[in-house]
N, C-alpha and C. Protein backbone atom coordinates (compact mmCIF):
# COMPACT_ATOMS: atom_id res chain seq x y z
N MET A 1 105.30 87.00 121.45
CA MET A 1 106.01 87.68 120.97
C MET A 1 107.60 87.45 121.49
N ARG A 2 108.46 87.09 120.67
CA ARG A 2 109.72 86.94 121.00
C ARG A 2 110.50 88.01 121.26
N CYS A 3 111.68 87.51 121.98
CA CYS A 3 112.94 88.74 122.29
C CYS A 3 113.56 89.14 120.86
N GLY A 4 113.54 90.25 120.69
CA GLY A 4 114.21 90.76 119.20
C GLY A 4 113.31 90.96 118.08
N SER A 5 111.91 90.98 118.26
CA SER A 5 111.01 90.79 117.30
C SER A 5 110.38 92.31 116.67
N LYS A 6 110.30 92.33 115.49
CA LYS A 6 109.98 93.63 114.79
C LYS A 6 108.59 93.27 114.19
N CYS A 7 108.04 94.49 113.65
CA CYS A 7 106.88 94.67 112.99
C CYS A 7 107.19 94.90 111.65
N PHE A 8 106.95 93.89 110.60
CA PHE A 8 107.25 94.10 109.15
C PHE A 8 105.96 94.59 108.38
N ILE A 9 105.68 95.10 107.68
CA ILE A 9 105.16 95.40 106.31
C ILE A 9 105.00 94.57 105.19
N VAL A 10 104.06 93.69 104.85
CA VAL A 10 104.40 92.71 104.01
C VAL A 10 103.37 93.05 102.88
N GLU A 11 103.78 93.13 101.55
CA GLU A 11 102.85 93.43 100.41
C GLU A 11 102.94 91.89 99.87
N ILE A 12 101.37 91.62 99.68
CA ILE A 12 101.28 90.49 98.89
C ILE A 12 100.19 90.47 97.98
N GLU A 13 100.16 89.45 96.99
CA GLU A 13 99.07 89.62 96.08
C GLU A 13 98.55 88.04 95.81
N ILE A 14 97.12 87.93 96.12
CA ILE A 14 96.47 86.88 96.17
C ILE A 14 95.24 87.06 95.18
N LYS A 15 95.24 86.16 93.99
CA LYS A 15 94.34 85.97 92.95
C LYS A 15 94.09 87.55 92.38
N GLY A 16 95.48 88.22 92.17
CA GLY A 16 95.22 89.39 91.39
C GLY A 16 95.08 90.66 92.41
N GLU A 17 94.58 90.52 93.65
CA GLU A 17 94.27 91.31 94.68
C GLU A 17 95.49 91.63 95.49
N LYS A 18 96.02 93.11 95.50
CA LYS A 18 97.04 93.35 96.37
C LYS A 18 96.62 93.65 97.71
N GLN A 19 97.18 93.24 98.89
CA GLN A 19 97.06 93.50 100.12
C GLN A 19 98.35 93.79 100.91
N THR A 20 98.13 94.65 101.85
CA THR A 20 99.15 94.77 102.84
C THR A 20 98.83 94.22 104.24
N LYS A 21 99.99 93.51 104.65
CA LYS A 21 99.77 93.10 106.02
C LYS A 21 100.79 93.24 106.79
N SER A 22 100.55 93.55 108.50
CA SER A 22 101.33 93.66 109.21
C SER A 22 101.65 92.27 110.05
N VAL A 23 102.91 92.12 110.19
CA VAL A 23 103.63 90.89 110.83
C VAL A 23 104.39 91.22 111.81
N THR A 24 104.29 90.39 113.04
CA THR A 24 105.31 90.37 113.92
C THR A 24 106.32 89.47 113.73
N ALA A 25 107.72 89.61 113.60
CA ALA A 25 108.80 88.73 113.37
C ALA A 25 110.00 89.19 113.64
N ARG A 26 111.22 88.06 113.73
CA ARG A 26 112.44 88.66 114.03
C ARG A 26 113.37 89.04 113.03
N THR A 27 113.00 88.56 111.79
CA THR A 27 113.73 88.82 110.54
C THR A 27 112.74 89.07 109.30
N PRO A 28 113.12 89.30 108.14
CA PRO A 28 112.24 89.49 106.99
C PRO A 28 111.64 88.12 106.62
N VAL A 29 112.89 86.92 106.77
CA VAL A 29 112.54 85.79 106.23
C VAL A 29 111.45 85.25 107.16
N ASP A 30 111.33 85.47 108.43
CA ASP A 30 110.36 84.89 109.45
C ASP A 30 109.04 85.47 109.12
N ALA A 31 109.00 86.62 108.54
CA ALA A 31 107.67 87.47 108.19
C ALA A 31 107.20 86.59 107.00
N ARG A 32 108.00 86.15 105.96
CA ARG A 32 107.80 85.44 104.87
C ARG A 32 107.21 84.07 105.17
N LYS A 33 107.50 83.39 105.82
CA LYS A 33 107.38 82.40 106.55
C LYS A 33 105.94 82.30 107.11
N THR A 34 105.88 83.32 107.94
CA THR A 34 104.69 83.35 108.65
C THR A 34 103.47 83.75 107.53
N ILE A 35 103.50 84.65 106.57
CA ILE A 35 102.47 84.58 105.54
C ILE A 35 102.32 83.56 104.84
N ARG A 36 103.17 82.74 104.64
CA ARG A 36 102.95 81.45 103.58
C ARG A 36 102.60 80.44 104.59
N LEU A 37 102.60 80.48 105.67
CA LEU A 37 101.86 79.49 106.59
C LEU A 37 100.48 79.79 106.65
N GLU A 38 100.03 81.28 106.46
CA GLU A 38 98.94 81.46 107.04
C GLU A 38 97.79 81.59 105.49
N TYR A 39 98.76 81.88 104.43
CA TYR A 39 97.93 82.07 103.02
C TYR A 39 98.14 80.80 102.27
N GLY A 40 99.25 79.97 102.30
CA GLY A 40 99.59 78.96 101.45
C GLY A 40 100.71 79.38 100.76
N ALA A 41 101.51 78.49 99.95
CA ALA A 41 102.71 78.59 98.88
C ALA A 41 101.83 79.18 97.56
N GLU A 42 100.53 79.30 97.28
CA GLU A 42 100.42 80.08 95.93
C GLU A 42 100.32 81.68 95.97
N VAL A 43 100.56 82.33 97.41
CA VAL A 43 100.30 83.45 97.38
C VAL A 43 101.81 84.08 96.89
N GLN A 44 101.76 85.43 96.18
CA GLN A 44 103.04 86.01 95.81
C GLN A 44 103.10 87.32 96.90
N ILE A 45 104.68 87.24 97.33
CA ILE A 45 105.15 88.18 98.40
C ILE A 45 105.99 89.28 97.09
N ARG A 46 105.18 90.42 97.43
CA ARG A 46 105.93 91.41 96.73
C ARG A 46 106.97 92.42 97.21
N SER A 47 106.93 92.59 98.63
CA SER A 47 107.84 93.02 99.32
C SER A 47 107.72 92.88 100.92
N VAL A 48 108.88 93.20 101.78
CA VAL A 48 109.03 92.76 103.21
C VAL A 48 109.64 93.99 103.57
N ARG A 49 109.09 94.96 104.33
CA ARG A 49 109.75 96.08 104.96
C ARG A 49 109.47 96.34 106.38
N GLU A 50 110.61 96.79 107.10
CA GLU A 50 110.51 97.13 108.43
C GLU A 50 109.66 98.39 108.77
N GLU A 51 108.70 98.02 109.74
CA GLU A 51 107.75 99.46 109.93
C GLU A 51 108.62 100.27 110.83
N LYS A 52 108.92 101.46 110.39
CA LYS A 52 109.62 102.70 111.10
C LYS A 52 108.55 103.23 112.22
N ARG A 53 108.96 103.39 113.25
CA ARG A 53 108.14 104.14 114.45
C ARG A 53 108.63 105.57 114.69
């Protein structure tokens, strides 16, 4: 975990199936990059929201 990181809720769609993942990143862009590295470029990212505590 890096300084300034937050938890983001990412809604993705893989092969027509919707999933919700929790990602720790500094910015929404970093959260998107993390999801694409994990699932590949074919995943469709529907939304990225900061988790409220």
